[in-house]
Amino acid sequence: MEERGNGFFDFFKEIPDHRIERRKLHSLSEILLLTFCGVVSGCDSWEDIEDFGKIKLEYLRGYFPYEHGAPSDDTLRRFFRALEPEAFESCFIKWVKSFQLDLEKKIIAVDGKTSRRSFDGEGRPMHLVSAFASELGIVLGQLKTEEKSNEITAIPELLDLLDIAKAVVTIDAMGCQSKIVEKIVDKEADYLISLKGNQGILNDDVRLLFEAKPQGTVFQDDEEHDKGHGRVETRRCIVTEDIHWLKEKHPQWKGFRSVVEIESIREIKGKITAEKRYYISSLAAEPKVILNVVRQHWGVENKLHWVLDITFGDDQSRIRKGNAPRNMAIVKKTVLNLLSIVKKASPRLSLKRMRKMAGWDNLFLEKVLSAEF
């Protein structure tokens, strides 16, 4: 792997090694390679990774000497608890930037997730805010917050680390803050942000606009239908740019161009429910485009959060202490990106199936490790 230029591993092997030199039995590269290979191949715990290393030792020695055999679970545990997560995250972001993604008009969903069992003692579970390029299936970066309410400060910090020019950034109501909007516009991107009670006056004004539909106000609308698993859903989008009075009343919202109402009507086993959601946006009044943006944002639950829980066992993980949960989150998202790249050429392969195949077949494991966007 060392001889391959600009592969994913080249971006991680230069992380500063925090360990005392005389105590090292395994190089930083040996530990990282084993961990990435193990997680690609379905390992979910330190013990799993150690067992994988023992079984696949000859394969691993094709890259590094491993003179002392495979690192033990205790070695892995100590290493990742102490590893500086900011440095690890920085390497991840540099790797993703090397993809040179064309993000023009692509949707970047910014959303938080709590790893339920990551708490240590009386501490809080780890909450991470991630930026996810929905259509591409690629995680762009992550940032840890102490709790969900701190997403307000974490989101601008995360956006500062990313190249988002010409993309469309979507955030739920927690991120509906004028400073976040300003950050997005300053980075030459568009936004679609959900409204709720945390912006009470603006939320009420937008809701009233759609309820009253003042004479002379031009509204555009479109709808889409979705059917599957015993559920029928209709989503209707109504949008308008006739909001001069709203912009005058709420001048702090930079780039404010349109307001949106999305009505979702679901029918499940004969039971019908309806819900309306409201958004502010810098996008033009194009309801078909906005419906796609909203759908892509909701997709982050299935394409990222659900995958991390079901495929990578995130909520059930017993990795809790020190920096280990945050560092392993980067390992999992690196692996998810690699698998997503391979999946583009083999769309019928599930992520779970690919992880099994990587564990069984060294050639397939090599294919994942060498994947380039």
Protein backbone atom coordinates (compact mmCIF):
# COMPACT_ATOMS: atom_id res chain seq x y z
CA MET A 1 0.00 0.00 0.00
CA GLU A 2 2.95 2.31 0.53
CA GLU A 3 3.87 2.13 -3.12
CA ARG A 4 0.45 3.33 -4.31
CA GLY A 5 0.39 7.10 -4.69
CA ASN A 6 -2.47 9.13 -3.27
CA GLY A 7 -4.41 6.10 -2.03
CA PHE A 8 -6.56 6.63 1.04
CA PHE A 9 -3.91 5.22 3.38
CA ASP A 10 -1.34 7.79 2.31
CA PHE A 11 -3.49 10.50 3.92
CA PHE A 12 -3.56 8.76 7.31
CA LYS A 13 -0.09 7.29 7.81
CA GLU A 14 1.50 10.68 8.57
CA ILE A 15 -0.62 11.26 11.71
CA PRO A 16 1.67 12.28 14.61
CA ASP A 17 2.43 9.23 16.74
CA HIS A 18 1.62 10.04 20.37
CA ARG A 19 3.34 6.96 21.86
CA ILE A 20 6.67 6.69 23.68
CA GLU A 21 9.25 5.39 21.19
CA ARG A 22 10.79 2.70 23.40
CA ARG A 23 7.38 1.13 24.07
CA LYS A 24 6.40 0.65 20.44
CA LEU A 25 6.08 -2.94 19.26
CA HIS A 26 4.02 -1.97 16.22
CA SER A 27 4.36 1.03 13.95
CA LEU A 28 1.55 3.52 13.54
CA SER A 29 1.06 2.27 9.98
CA GLU A 30 0.74 -1.33 11.14
CA ILE A 31 -1.97 -0.42 13.65
CA LEU A 32 -3.90 1.75 11.22
CA LEU A 33 -3.71 -0.76 8.35
CA LEU A 34 -4.95 -3.61 10.55
CA THR A 35 -7.80 -1.47 11.87
CA PHE A 36 -8.98 -0.29 8.46
CA CYS A 37 -8.74 -3.81 7.01
CA GLY A 38 -10.57 -5.26 10.00
CA VAL A 39 -13.44 -2.78 9.85
CA VAL A 40 -13.75 -3.18 6.06
CA SER A 41 -14.04 -6.94 6.71
CA GLY A 42 -16.80 -6.74 9.31
CA CYS A 43 -14.94 -6.31 12.61
CA ASP A 44 -16.89 -4.35 15.23
CA SER A 45 -14.70 -4.65 18.35
CA TRP A 46 -11.05 -4.59 19.40
CA GLU A 47 -11.15 -8.36 19.90
CA ASP A 48 -12.56 -8.84 16.39
CA ILE A 49 -9.74 -6.75 14.91
CA GLU A 50 -7.07 -8.69 16.85
CA ASP A 51 -8.51 -12.02 15.65
CA PHE A 52 -8.62 -10.73 12.08
CA GLY A 53 -4.98 -9.66 12.36
CA LYS A 54 -3.87 -13.09 13.54
CA ILE A 55 -5.74 -14.88 10.75
CA LYS A 56 -4.69 -12.43 8.02
CA LEU A 57 -1.13 -11.87 9.24
CA GLU A 58 0.51 -13.04 6.02
CA TYR A 59 -1.71 -10.72 3.98
CA LEU A 60 -0.86 -7.77 6.24
CA ARG A 61 2.86 -8.59 5.95
CA GLY A 62 2.53 -7.89 2.27
CA TYR A 63 2.49 -4.21 3.32
CA PHE A 64 4.41 -3.93 6.60
CA PRO A 65 6.74 -6.27 8.58
CA TYR A 66 4.56 -6.96 11.66
CA GLU A 67 7.70 -8.38 13.30
CA HIS A 68 5.83 -8.78 16.61
CA GLY A 69 2.75 -10.30 15.03
CA ALA A 70 -0.66 -8.67 15.00
CA PRO A 71 -1.35 -5.95 17.61
CA SER A 72 -3.41 -7.16 20.56
CA ASP A 73 -6.81 -5.79 21.45
CA ASP A 74 -5.20 -3.94 24.39
CA THR A 75 -2.67 -2.29 22.06
CA LEU A 76 -5.45 -1.16 19.74
CA ARG A 77 -7.56 0.06 22.63
CA ARG A 78 -4.75 2.15 24.16
CA PHE A 79 -3.71 3.56 20.78
CA PHE A 80 -7.11 4.85 19.73
CA ARG A 81 -8.00 6.17 23.19
CA ALA A 82 -4.97 8.46 23.10
CA LEU A 83 -4.86 9.31 19.37
CA GLU A 84 -5.61 13.01 18.74
CA PRO A 85 -9.02 12.96 16.98
CA GLU A 86 -8.67 16.42 15.41
CA ALA A 87 -5.56 15.25 13.56
CA PHE A 88 -7.34 12.07 12.45
CA GLU A 89 -10.38 14.04 11.24
CA SER A 90 -8.14 16.46 9.40
CA CYS A 91 -6.54 13.57 7.50
CA PHE A 92 -9.99 12.25 6.62
CA ILE A 93 -11.11 15.61 5.23
CA LYS A 94 -7.90 15.99 3.20
CA TRP A 95 -8.48 12.53 1.73
CA VAL A 96 -12.06 13.37 0.73
CA LYS A 97 -10.93 16.70 -0.77
CA SER A 98 -8.53 14.73 -2.98
CA PHE A 99 -11.63 13.26 -4.72
CA GLN A 100 -12.12 16.71 -6.30
CA LEU A 101 -15.87 16.19 -6.15
CA ASP A 102 -18.06 18.22 -8.44
CA LEU A 103 -20.54 19.53 -5.88
CA GLU A 104 -22.31 22.03 -8.11
CA LYS A 105 -26.03 21.80 -7.28
CA LYS A 106 -25.32 18.67 -5.20
CA ILE A 107 -27.04 18.36 -1.83
CA ILE A 108 -24.89 18.36 1.31
CA ALA A 109 -26.97 17.25 4.27
CA VAL A 110 -25.60 18.44 7.60
CA ASP A 111 -27.06 16.41 10.43
CA GLY A 112 -26.19 15.11 13.89
CA LYS A 113 -26.22 11.61 15.34
CA THR A 114 -25.76 10.35 18.88
CA SER A 115 -23.93 7.05 19.41
CA ARG A 116 -26.17 5.66 22.13
CA ARG A 117 -23.70 3.44 23.98
CA SER A 118 -20.60 5.58 23.62
CA PHE A 119 -20.90 7.13 27.09
CA ASP A 120 -18.26 6.29 29.71
CA GLY A 121 -19.52 6.13 33.29
CA GLU A 122 -21.69 9.17 33.92
CA GLY A 123 -20.53 11.01 30.79
CA ARG A 124 -22.82 11.85 27.89
CA PRO A 125 -23.00 9.73 24.73
CA MET A 126 -20.94 11.08 21.84
CA HIS A 127 -22.83 13.36 19.44
CA LEU A 128 -21.29 13.95 16.01
CA VAL A 129 -22.36 16.39 13.32
CA SER A 130 -21.60 15.05 9.84
CA ALA A 131 -21.69 16.55 6.36
CA PHE A 132 -22.95 14.02 3.81
CA ALA A 133 -23.05 14.42 0.03
CA SER A 134 -26.36 12.63 -0.40
CA GLU A 135 -26.39 11.84 -4.12
CA LEU A 136 -22.78 10.66 -4.04
CA GLY A 137 -23.07 8.67 -0.81
CA ILE A 138 -19.86 10.25 0.50
CA VAL A 139 -19.20 11.59 4.00
CA LEU A 140 -17.31 14.88 3.72
CA GLY A 141 -16.42 15.44 7.37
CA GLN A 142 -17.48 15.26 11.01
CA LEU A 143 -17.22 17.32 14.20
CA LYS A 144 -17.97 16.33 17.78
CA THR A 145 -20.30 18.33 20.02
CA GLU A 146 -20.95 17.88 23.70
CA GLU A 147 -24.68 17.52 23.10
CA LYS A 148 -27.29 18.11 20.40
CA SER A 149 -27.90 21.76 21.37
CA ASN A 150 -24.25 22.55 20.57
CA GLU A 151 -24.82 21.78 16.89
CA ILE A 152 -25.43 25.53 16.57
CA THR A 153 -21.74 26.25 17.18
CA ALA A 154 -20.40 23.05 15.60
CA ILE A 155 -22.03 23.46 12.18
CA PRO A 156 -20.16 26.68 11.21
CA GLU A 157 -16.90 25.11 12.37
CA LEU A 158 -17.54 22.04 10.24
CA LEU A 159 -18.49 24.15 7.20
CA ASP A 160 -15.23 26.08 7.60
CA LEU A 161 -13.33 22.82 7.00
CA LEU A 162 -15.15 21.90 3.79
CA ASP A 163 -15.23 23.02 0.16
CA ILE A 164 -18.96 23.57 -0.46
CA ALA A 165 -19.00 26.22 -3.22
CA LYS A 166 -22.02 25.87 -5.57
CA ALA A 167 -23.53 23.07 -3.46
CA VAL A 168 -26.90 23.18 -1.67
CA VAL A 169 -26.56 22.79 2.11
CA THR A 170 -29.56 21.37 3.96
CA ILE A 171 -29.98 21.47 7.73
CA ASP A 172 -32.85 20.68 10.07
CA ALA A 173 -34.45 23.27 12.34
CA MET A 174 -31.66 23.11 14.95
CA GLY A 175 -29.36 24.76 12.41
CA CYS A 176 -31.78 27.54 11.50
CA GLN A 177 -29.51 30.34 12.70
CA SER A 178 -28.60 33.53 10.86
CA LYS A 179 -24.87 33.02 11.48
CA ILE A 180 -25.01 29.55 9.93
CA VAL A 181 -26.85 30.94 6.90
CA GLU A 182 -24.26 33.69 6.60
CA LYS A 183 -21.46 31.11 6.70
CA ILE A 184 -23.08 29.09 3.90
CA VAL A 185 -23.55 32.12 1.65
CA ASP A 186 -20.04 33.39 2.34
CA LYS A 187 -18.75 30.01 1.16
CA GLU A 188 -20.66 30.54 -2.11
CA ALA A 189 -23.24 27.81 -1.51
CA ASP A 190 -27.03 27.76 -1.39
CA TYR A 191 -29.19 26.59 1.50
CA LEU A 192 -32.52 25.04 2.38
CA ILE A 193 -33.14 25.08 6.13
CA SER A 194 -36.11 23.80 8.09
CA LEU A 195 -38.11 26.18 10.28
CA LYS A 196 -39.56 25.43 13.70
CA GLY A 197 -40.22 27.13 17.01
CA ASN A 198 -36.62 28.19 17.63
CA GLN A 199 -37.28 30.94 15.09
CA GLY A 200 -40.74 31.69 16.40
CA ILE A 201 -41.55 35.00 14.67
CA LEU A 202 -40.11 33.98 11.31
CA ASN A 203 -41.77 30.58 11.57
CA ASP A 204 -45.14 32.19 12.33
CA ASP A 205 -44.77 34.70 9.48
CA VAL A 206 -43.96 31.99 6.95
CA ARG A 207 -46.78 29.76 8.15
CA LEU A 208 -49.25 32.66 7.96
CA LEU A 209 -48.12 33.47 4.42
CA PHE A 210 -49.01 29.98 3.20
CA GLU A 211 -52.24 29.83 5.15
CA ALA A 212 -53.48 33.24 3.94
CA LYS A 213 -51.99 33.17 0.42
CA PRO A 214 -52.33 36.95 -0.07
CA GLN A 215 -53.81 38.13 -3.34
CA GLY A 216 -51.14 38.96 -5.88
CA THR A 217 -48.54 36.62 -4.35
CA VAL A 218 -47.24 34.13 -6.94
CA PHE A 219 -46.92 30.55 -5.72
CA GLN A 220 -45.37 27.65 -7.63
CA ASP A 221 -46.29 24.07 -6.73
CA ASP A 222 -45.55 20.47 -7.64
CA GLU A 223 -46.02 17.07 -6.04
CA GLU A 224 -44.51 13.61 -6.11
CA HIS A 225 -45.75 10.18 -5.07
CA ASP A 226 -43.97 7.31 -3.40
CA LYS A 227 -45.30 3.81 -2.85
CA GLY A 228 -43.76 0.81 -1.14
CA HIS A 229 -43.85 -1.48 1.90
CA GLY A 230 -47.59 -0.96 2.35
CA ARG A 231 -47.20 2.82 2.41
CA VAL A 232 -48.40 5.45 -0.02
CA GLU A 233 -46.94 8.93 0.39
CA THR A 234 -47.67 12.15 -1.46
CA ARG A 235 -45.37 15.12 -1.00
CA ARG A 236 -46.54 18.50 -2.23
CA CYS A 237 -44.23 21.50 -2.48
CA ILE A 238 -45.45 25.09 -2.59
CA VAL A 239 -42.83 27.83 -2.94
CA THR A 240 -42.77 31.56 -3.52
CA GLU A 241 -40.19 34.30 -4.06
CA ASP A 242 -42.74 37.09 -3.39
CA ILE A 243 -41.35 37.73 0.07
CA HIS A 244 -40.14 41.33 -0.01
CA TRP A 245 -41.93 42.11 3.23
CA LEU A 246 -40.41 39.04 4.91
CA LYS A 247 -36.90 40.05 3.86
CA GLU A 248 -37.49 43.59 5.16
CA LYS A 249 -38.82 42.25 8.47
CA HIS A 250 -36.02 39.68 8.85
CA PRO A 251 -32.94 41.31 7.27
CA GLN A 252 -30.47 39.11 9.20
CA TRP A 253 -31.01 36.15 6.85
CA LYS A 254 -28.34 36.50 4.19
CA GLY A 255 -29.24 35.28 0.69
CA PHE A 256 -32.90 34.81 1.70
CA ARG A 257 -34.79 34.30 -1.57
CA SER A 258 -37.75 31.96 -1.10
CA VAL A 259 -39.98 30.22 1.43
CA VAL A 260 -41.27 26.67 1.11
CA GLU A 261 -44.15 24.57 2.41
CA ILE A 262 -43.86 20.79 2.13
CA GLU A 263 -47.01 18.82 2.89
CA SER A 264 -46.54 15.07 3.38
CA ILE A 265 -49.64 12.88 3.27
CA ARG A 266 -49.08 9.24 4.25
CA GLU A 267 -51.49 6.34 4.00
CA ILE A 268 -50.56 3.17 5.87
CA LYS A 269 -53.10 0.35 6.12
CA GLY A 270 -55.94 2.76 5.46
CA LYS A 271 -54.80 5.26 8.08
CA ILE A 272 -54.01 8.73 6.68
CA THR A 273 -51.72 11.25 8.38
CA ALA A 274 -50.64 14.67 7.15
CA GLU A 275 -47.79 16.96 8.16
CA LYS A 276 -46.62 20.36 6.95
CA ARG A 277 -43.05 21.62 7.20
CA TYR A 278 -41.70 25.05 6.39
CA TYR A 279 -38.31 26.11 5.06
CA ILE A 280 -36.33 29.20 4.15
CA SER A 281 -34.00 29.04 1.16
CA SER A 282 -31.63 30.90 -1.12
CA LEU A 283 -32.94 28.81 -4.03
CA ALA A 284 -35.28 30.01 -6.75
CA ALA A 285 -38.99 29.08 -6.66
CA GLU A 286 -38.62 25.76 -8.49
CA PRO A 287 -40.80 23.23 -6.64
CA LYS A 288 -39.54 20.13 -8.49
CA VAL A 289 -35.94 21.04 -7.61
CA ILE A 290 -36.84 21.75 -3.99
CA LEU A 291 -38.72 18.46 -3.63
CA ASN A 292 -35.54 16.66 -4.67
CA VAL A 293 -33.44 18.67 -2.22
CA VAL A 294 -35.81 17.85 0.65
CA ARG A 295 -35.88 14.16 -0.32
CA GLN A 296 -32.09 14.02 -0.43
CA HIS A 297 -31.85 15.59 3.02
CA TRP A 298 -34.24 13.07 4.52
CA GLY A 299 -32.16 10.36 2.83
CA VAL A 300 -29.28 11.04 5.23
CA GLU A 301 -31.16 8.95 7.81
CA ASN A 302 -31.19 5.88 5.54
CA LYS A 303 -27.91 6.39 3.71
CA LEU A 304 -25.74 7.41 6.67
CA HIS A 305 -27.26 7.11 10.16
CA TRP A 306 -29.14 3.86 9.49
CA VAL A 307 -26.12 2.34 7.73
CA LEU A 308 -23.82 3.24 10.62
CA ASP A 309 -26.23 1.59 13.07
CA ILE A 310 -27.24 -1.51 11.10
CA THR A 311 -24.15 -2.24 8.98
CA PHE A 312 -21.46 -0.99 11.39
CA GLY A 313 -23.26 -1.55 14.74
CA ASP A 314 -22.67 2.05 15.82
CA ASP A 315 -25.38 2.28 18.49
CA GLN A 316 -24.36 -1.10 19.96
CA SER A 317 -20.63 -0.42 19.99
CA ARG A 318 -18.91 -0.97 23.35
CA ILE A 319 -15.98 1.27 22.39
CA ARG A 320 -16.40 4.04 24.94
CA LYS A 321 -13.28 5.39 26.60
CA GLY A 322 -11.10 8.38 25.80
CA ASN A 323 -10.88 9.45 22.16
CA ALA A 324 -11.62 5.95 20.85
CA PRO A 325 -15.32 6.44 19.94
CA ARG A 326 -14.58 9.57 17.92
CA ASN A 327 -11.56 8.03 16.20
CA MET A 328 -13.45 4.86 15.35
CA ALA A 329 -16.24 7.00 13.88
CA ILE A 330 -13.66 8.28 11.39
CA VAL A 331 -12.52 4.72 10.62
CA LYS A 332 -16.13 3.67 9.96
CA LYS A 333 -16.82 6.69 7.74
CA THR A 334 -13.61 6.08 5.81
CA VAL A 335 -14.70 2.49 5.23
CA LEU A 336 -18.22 3.62 4.31
CA ASN A 337 -16.77 5.98 1.69
CA LEU A 338 -14.55 3.22 0.27
CA LEU A 339 -17.46 0.79 0.07
CA SER A 340 -19.69 3.43 -1.51
CA ILE A 341 -17.09 3.98 -4.23
CA VAL A 342 -16.93 0.23 -4.97
CA LYS A 343 -20.73 0.01 -4.89
CA LYS A 344 -20.99 2.46 -7.80
CA ALA A 345 -19.63 -0.27 -10.10
CA SER A 346 -21.55 -3.08 -8.32
CA PRO A 347 -24.89 -1.55 -7.24
CA ARG A 348 -26.48 -4.91 -6.44
CA LEU A 349 -23.94 -5.61 -3.69
CA SER A 350 -25.10 -4.47 -0.27
CA LEU A 351 -22.60 -2.91 2.10
CA LYS A 352 -23.05 -5.81 4.52
CA ARG A 353 -22.35 -8.32 1.76
CA MET A 354 -19.25 -6.41 0.63
CA ARG A 355 -17.85 -6.45 4.18
CA LYS A 356 -18.27 -10.22 4.30
CA MET A 357 -16.65 -10.63 0.90
CA ALA A 358 -13.68 -8.52 2.01
CA GLY A 359 -13.20 -10.81 5.00
CA TRP A 360 -13.32 -13.92 2.82
CA ASP A 361 -11.42 -12.78 -0.25
CA ASN A 362 -8.11 -10.92 -0.12
CA LEU A 363 -8.54 -9.77 -3.71
CA PHE A 364 -11.87 -8.13 -2.91
CA LEU A 365 -10.38 -6.56 0.23
CA GLU A 366 -7.61 -5.14 -1.95
CA LYS A 367 -10.23 -3.80 -4.36
CA VAL A 368 -11.89 -1.88 -1.52
CA LEU A 369 -8.63 -0.56 -0.09
CA SER A 370 -7.49 0.67 -3.50
CA ALA A 371 -10.84 2.26 -4.44
CA GLU A 372 -10.54 5.75 -5.86
CA PHE A 373 -13.40 8.12 -6.58
